[in-house]
Amino acid sequence: MVTIYEIKKLVLHEQFEITVHARERMAERGISTEDLIRLIINGEIIENYPDDFPYPSALILGYILDAPYHVVAAKGRNLVKIVTVYRADEEIWLNHRTRK
């Protein structure tokens, strides 16, 4: 299982990669790399996906200007891959942590 501490440590040491898909979503939503880093550092894991391939991943809840965002991050041996970033949809999420 991926822990938030492992992800934060790698992100703080700049050992992360943002996928093309995530960069595109960030650009669409006006999210900078600095916003993403703050979101992860202040975020919490709300779901774990231990069977994801090629690396186990987790769904992180964090905030940008008080707006809830989700980040899917996969953790390899010495690298975090940011898979996607999106605004938490109130149609799908209760209190942004639990699926309806």
N, C-alpha and C. Protein backbone atom coordinates (compact mmCIF):
# COMPACT_ATOMS: atom_id res chain seq x y z
N MET A 1 0.84 -1.18 0.00
CA MET A 1 0.00 0.00 0.00
C MET A 1 0.89 1.25 0.00
N VAL A 2 0.50 2.22 -0.79
CA VAL A 2 1.22 3.49 -0.88
C VAL A 2 0.82 4.36 0.32
N THR A 3 1.80 5.03 0.93
CA THR A 3 1.48 5.95 2.02
C THR A 3 1.73 7.39 1.57
N ILE A 4 1.03 8.30 2.19
CA ILE A 4 1.20 9.72 1.86
C ILE A 4 2.61 10.18 2.22
N TYR A 5 3.20 9.57 3.24
CA TYR A 5 4.55 9.96 3.67
C TYR A 5 5.58 9.62 2.59
N GLU A 6 5.43 8.45 1.97
CA GLU A 6 6.34 8.06 0.89
C GLU A 6 6.21 9.02 -0.29
N ILE A 7 4.98 9.36 -0.64
CA ILE A 7 4.75 10.27 -1.77
C ILE A 7 5.30 11.65 -1.44
N LYS A 8 5.00 12.17 -0.26
CA LYS A 8 5.47 13.51 0.12
C LYS A 8 6.99 13.58 0.11
N LYS A 9 7.63 12.56 0.65
CA LYS A 9 9.10 12.54 0.70
C LYS A 9 9.69 12.64 -0.71
N LEU A 10 9.19 11.84 -1.63
CA LEU A 10 9.71 11.87 -3.00
C LEU A 10 9.41 13.19 -3.68
N VAL A 11 8.21 13.72 -3.48
CA VAL A 11 7.85 15.00 -4.10
C VAL A 11 8.73 16.12 -3.54
N LEU A 12 8.95 16.13 -2.23
CA LEU A 12 9.81 17.16 -1.63
C LEU A 12 11.25 17.09 -2.14
N HIS A 13 11.69 15.88 -2.53
CA HIS A 13 13.03 15.71 -3.08
C HIS A 13 13.04 15.79 -4.61
N GLU A 14 11.93 16.32 -5.15
CA GLU A 14 11.78 16.53 -6.60
C GLU A 14 11.95 15.24 -7.39
N GLN A 15 11.55 14.13 -6.79
CA GLN A 15 11.61 12.84 -7.46
C GLN A 15 10.20 12.47 -7.92
N PHE A 16 9.69 13.29 -8.85
CA PHE A 16 8.37 13.02 -9.41
C PHE A 16 8.37 13.39 -10.88
N GLU A 17 7.42 12.78 -11.57
CA GLU A 17 7.26 13.01 -13.01
C GLU A 17 5.78 13.24 -13.25
N ILE A 18 5.47 14.23 -14.06
CA ILE A 18 4.08 14.53 -14.39
C ILE A 18 3.82 14.00 -15.80
N THR A 19 2.86 13.09 -15.93
CA THR A 19 2.57 12.51 -17.24
C THR A 19 2.02 13.58 -18.19
N VAL A 20 2.07 13.28 -19.47
CA VAL A 20 1.52 14.19 -20.48
C VAL A 20 0.04 14.44 -20.19
N HIS A 21 -0.68 13.38 -19.87
CA HIS A 21 -2.11 13.52 -19.56
C HIS A 21 -2.32 14.49 -18.39
N ALA A 22 -1.56 14.30 -17.32
CA ALA A 22 -1.71 15.18 -16.15
C ALA A 22 -1.34 16.62 -16.50
N ARG A 23 -0.28 16.82 -17.29
CA ARG A 23 0.11 18.18 -17.71
C ARG A 23 -1.03 18.84 -18.50
N GLU A 24 -1.66 18.07 -19.37
CA GLU A 24 -2.78 18.61 -20.14
C GLU A 24 -3.94 19.00 -19.24
N ARG A 25 -4.28 18.15 -18.27
CA ARG A 25 -5.36 18.46 -17.33
C ARG A 25 -5.00 19.68 -16.48
N MET A 26 -3.74 19.77 -16.06
CA MET A 26 -3.30 20.92 -15.27
C MET A 26 -3.45 22.20 -16.08
N ALA A 27 -3.04 22.17 -17.34
CA ALA A 27 -3.13 23.35 -18.20
C ALA A 27 -4.60 23.76 -18.38
N GLU A 28 -5.48 22.80 -18.60
CA GLU A 28 -6.92 23.08 -18.76
C GLU A 28 -7.49 23.74 -17.51
N ARG A 29 -6.97 23.37 -16.35
CA ARG A 29 -7.53 23.84 -15.08
C ARG A 29 -6.73 24.96 -14.43
N GLY A 30 -5.69 25.41 -15.11
CA GLY A 30 -4.88 26.51 -14.58
C GLY A 30 -4.10 26.14 -13.33
N ILE A 31 -3.66 24.89 -13.24
CA ILE A 31 -2.91 24.41 -12.07
C ILE A 31 -1.42 24.41 -12.41
N SER A 32 -0.64 25.10 -11.61
CA SER A 32 0.81 25.13 -11.81
C SER A 32 1.46 23.94 -11.11
N THR A 33 2.71 23.71 -11.43
CA THR A 33 3.46 22.65 -10.74
C THR A 33 3.57 22.98 -9.26
N GLU A 34 3.73 24.25 -8.93
CA GLU A 34 3.81 24.66 -7.52
C GLU A 34 2.50 24.37 -6.80
N ASP A 35 1.36 24.65 -7.47
CA ASP A 35 0.05 24.32 -6.89
C ASP A 35 -0.05 22.83 -6.63
N LEU A 36 0.39 22.03 -7.59
CA LEU A 36 0.34 20.58 -7.47
C LEU A 36 1.17 20.10 -6.28
N ILE A 37 2.37 20.62 -6.16
CA ILE A 37 3.25 20.23 -5.05
C ILE A 37 2.59 20.58 -3.70
N ARG A 38 2.07 21.80 -3.57
CA ARG A 38 1.40 22.20 -2.32
C ARG A 38 0.20 21.30 -2.03
N LEU A 39 -0.56 20.98 -3.09
CA LEU A 39 -1.73 20.12 -2.93
C LEU A 39 -1.32 18.77 -2.36
N ILE A 40 -0.25 18.19 -2.90
CA ILE A 40 0.21 16.87 -2.43
C ILE A 40 0.77 16.96 -1.01
N ILE A 41 1.60 17.96 -0.76
CA ILE A 41 2.25 18.09 0.56
C ILE A 41 1.20 18.29 1.67
N ASN A 42 0.12 18.98 1.35
CA ASN A 42 -0.93 19.23 2.34
C ASN A 42 -2.10 18.27 2.22
N GLY A 43 -1.97 17.29 1.32
CA GLY A 43 -3.09 16.39 1.03
C GLY A 43 -3.11 15.13 1.88
N GLU A 44 -4.12 14.31 1.59
CA GLU A 44 -4.29 13.03 2.28
C GLU A 44 -4.75 11.98 1.28
N ILE A 45 -4.34 10.76 1.49
CA ILE A 45 -4.79 9.67 0.63
C ILE A 45 -6.20 9.27 1.06
N ILE A 46 -7.11 9.20 0.07
CA ILE A 46 -8.48 8.80 0.37
C ILE A 46 -8.81 7.43 -0.23
N GLU A 47 -8.01 6.98 -1.19
CA GLU A 47 -8.18 5.63 -1.75
C GLU A 47 -6.81 5.11 -2.15
N ASN A 48 -6.61 3.81 -2.01
CA ASN A 48 -5.37 3.15 -2.44
C ASN A 48 -5.71 2.14 -3.52
N TYR A 49 -4.84 2.05 -4.52
CA TYR A 49 -5.01 1.10 -5.62
C TYR A 49 -3.74 0.24 -5.71
N PRO A 50 -3.60 -0.73 -4.80
CA PRO A 50 -2.35 -1.50 -4.72
C PRO A 50 -2.09 -2.38 -5.93
N ASP A 51 -3.11 -2.69 -6.71
CA ASP A 51 -2.93 -3.57 -7.85
C ASP A 51 -2.73 -2.84 -9.17
N ASP A 52 -2.66 -1.51 -9.14
CA ASP A 52 -2.42 -0.76 -10.39
C ASP A 52 -1.08 -1.16 -10.99
N PHE A 53 -1.02 -1.11 -12.31
CA PHE A 53 0.19 -1.47 -13.05
C PHE A 53 0.65 -0.27 -13.85
N PRO A 54 1.92 0.03 -13.89
CA PRO A 54 3.04 -0.77 -13.42
C PRO A 54 3.40 -0.53 -11.95
N TYR A 55 2.79 0.49 -11.32
CA TYR A 55 3.09 0.78 -9.91
C TYR A 55 1.79 0.93 -9.13
N PRO A 56 1.80 0.59 -7.85
CA PRO A 56 0.62 0.87 -7.03
C PRO A 56 0.39 2.38 -6.98
N SER A 57 -0.87 2.78 -6.88
CA SER A 57 -1.16 4.20 -6.88
C SER A 57 -2.15 4.54 -5.78
N ALA A 58 -2.40 5.84 -5.64
CA ALA A 58 -3.31 6.32 -4.61
C ALA A 58 -4.02 7.56 -5.12
N LEU A 59 -5.20 7.79 -4.57
CA LEU A 59 -5.96 9.00 -4.86
C LEU A 59 -5.76 9.95 -3.68
N ILE A 60 -5.26 11.12 -3.98
CA ILE A 60 -4.96 12.12 -2.96
C ILE A 60 -5.97 13.25 -3.04
N LEU A 61 -6.50 13.66 -1.91
CA LEU A 61 -7.37 14.82 -1.82
C LEU A 61 -6.55 15.98 -1.28
N GLY A 62 -6.61 17.10 -1.98
CA GLY A 62 -5.94 18.31 -1.53
C GLY A 62 -6.74 19.51 -2.01
N TYR A 63 -6.25 20.68 -1.67
CA TYR A 63 -7.00 21.90 -1.99
C TYR A 63 -6.11 22.93 -2.67
N ILE A 64 -6.71 23.64 -3.62
CA ILE A 64 -6.09 24.80 -4.25
C ILE A 64 -7.08 25.93 -4.09
N LEU A 65 -6.67 26.97 -3.36
CA LEU A 65 -7.56 28.10 -3.07
C LEU A 65 -8.92 27.62 -2.52
N ASP A 66 -8.87 26.71 -1.57
CA ASP A 66 -10.05 26.15 -0.90
C ASP A 66 -10.94 25.29 -1.79
N ALA A 67 -10.53 25.04 -3.02
CA ALA A 67 -11.29 24.16 -3.91
C ALA A 67 -10.69 22.76 -3.83
N PRO A 68 -11.54 21.73 -3.70
CA PRO A 68 -11.03 20.36 -3.58
C PRO A 68 -10.59 19.78 -4.92
N TYR A 69 -9.41 19.19 -4.93
CA TYR A 69 -8.87 18.53 -6.11
C TYR A 69 -8.41 17.13 -5.74
N HIS A 70 -8.46 16.26 -6.72
CA HIS A 70 -7.94 14.91 -6.57
C HIS A 70 -6.73 14.74 -7.48
N VAL A 71 -5.74 14.03 -6.99
CA VAL A 71 -4.54 13.68 -7.74
C VAL A 71 -4.38 12.18 -7.66
N VAL A 72 -4.18 11.55 -8.81
CA VAL A 72 -3.82 10.13 -8.82
C VAL A 72 -2.32 10.07 -8.99
N ALA A 73 -1.65 9.46 -8.02
CA ALA A 73 -0.18 9.37 -8.02
C ALA A 73 0.23 7.92 -7.88
N ALA A 74 1.13 7.49 -8.77
CA ALA A 74 1.66 6.12 -8.72
C ALA A 74 3.06 6.19 -8.14
N LYS A 75 3.38 5.25 -7.23
CA LYS A 75 4.69 5.28 -6.58
C LYS A 75 5.54 4.10 -7.03
N GLY A 76 6.62 4.45 -7.73
CA GLY A 76 7.62 3.45 -8.09
C GLY A 76 8.67 3.39 -6.99
N ARG A 77 9.77 2.73 -7.27
CA ARG A 77 10.82 2.57 -6.27
C ARG A 77 11.35 3.92 -5.77
N ASN A 78 11.74 4.80 -6.67
CA ASN A 78 12.31 6.10 -6.29
C ASN A 78 11.68 7.25 -7.06
N LEU A 79 10.41 7.09 -7.43
CA LEU A 79 9.76 8.10 -8.26
C LEU A 79 8.26 8.07 -8.03
N VAL A 80 7.65 9.24 -8.03
CA VAL A 80 6.20 9.36 -8.01
C VAL A 80 5.79 9.84 -9.40
N LYS A 81 4.83 9.15 -9.99
CA LYS A 81 4.28 9.55 -11.28
C LYS A 81 2.91 10.15 -11.04
N ILE A 82 2.73 11.39 -11.46
CA ILE A 82 1.44 12.05 -11.35
C ILE A 82 0.65 11.65 -12.59
N VAL A 83 -0.44 10.91 -12.38
CA VAL A 83 -1.21 10.35 -13.48
C VAL A 83 -2.27 11.32 -13.97
N THR A 84 -3.00 11.94 -13.05
CA THR A 84 -4.00 12.93 -13.43
C THR A 84 -4.32 13.83 -12.25
N VAL A 85 -4.95 14.96 -12.55
CA VAL A 85 -5.36 15.95 -11.56
C VAL A 85 -6.72 16.46 -12.00
N TYR A 86 -7.69 16.48 -11.08
CA TYR A 86 -9.01 16.99 -11.45
C TYR A 86 -9.73 17.53 -10.23
N ARG A 87 -10.70 18.38 -10.48
CA ARG A 87 -11.53 18.94 -9.41
C ARG A 87 -12.50 17.87 -8.94
N ALA A 88 -12.64 17.70 -7.65
CA ALA A 88 -13.55 16.71 -7.09
C ALA A 88 -15.00 17.07 -7.46
N ASP A 89 -15.68 16.17 -8.13
CA ASP A 89 -17.03 16.39 -8.62
C ASP A 89 -18.05 16.08 -7.52
N GLU A 90 -18.84 17.07 -7.16
CA GLU A 90 -19.84 16.89 -6.09
C GLU A 90 -20.93 15.90 -6.46
N GLU A 91 -21.08 15.60 -7.74
CA GLU A 91 -22.06 14.60 -8.18
C GLU A 91 -21.59 13.19 -7.82
N ILE A 92 -20.29 13.03 -7.68
CA ILE A 92 -19.70 11.71 -7.45
C ILE A 92 -19.23 11.53 -6.00
N TRP A 93 -18.83 12.64 -5.35
CA TRP A 93 -18.19 12.55 -4.04
C TRP A 93 -19.01 13.23 -2.95
N LEU A 94 -19.09 12.58 -1.81
CA LEU A 94 -19.60 13.19 -0.58
C LEU A 94 -18.40 13.80 0.12
N ASN A 95 -18.49 14.98 0.57
CA ASN A 95 -17.43 15.69 1.29
C ASN A 95 -16.04 15.49 0.67
N HIS A 96 -16.00 15.19 -0.62
CA HIS A 96 -14.77 15.06 -1.43
C HIS A 96 -13.88 13.90 -1.01
N ARG A 97 -14.31 13.09 -0.04
CA ARG A 97 -13.51 11.96 0.46
C ARG A 97 -14.15 10.61 0.19
N THR A 98 -15.46 10.58 0.09
CA THR A 98 -16.17 9.32 -0.02
C THR A 98 -17.05 9.33 -1.27
N ARG A 99 -16.97 8.23 -2.03
CA ARG A 99 -17.82 8.13 -3.22
C ARG A 99 -19.29 7.94 -2.79
N LYS A 100 -20.19 8.56 -3.56
CA LYS A 100 -21.62 8.39 -3.29
C LYS A 100 -22.06 6.99 -3.61
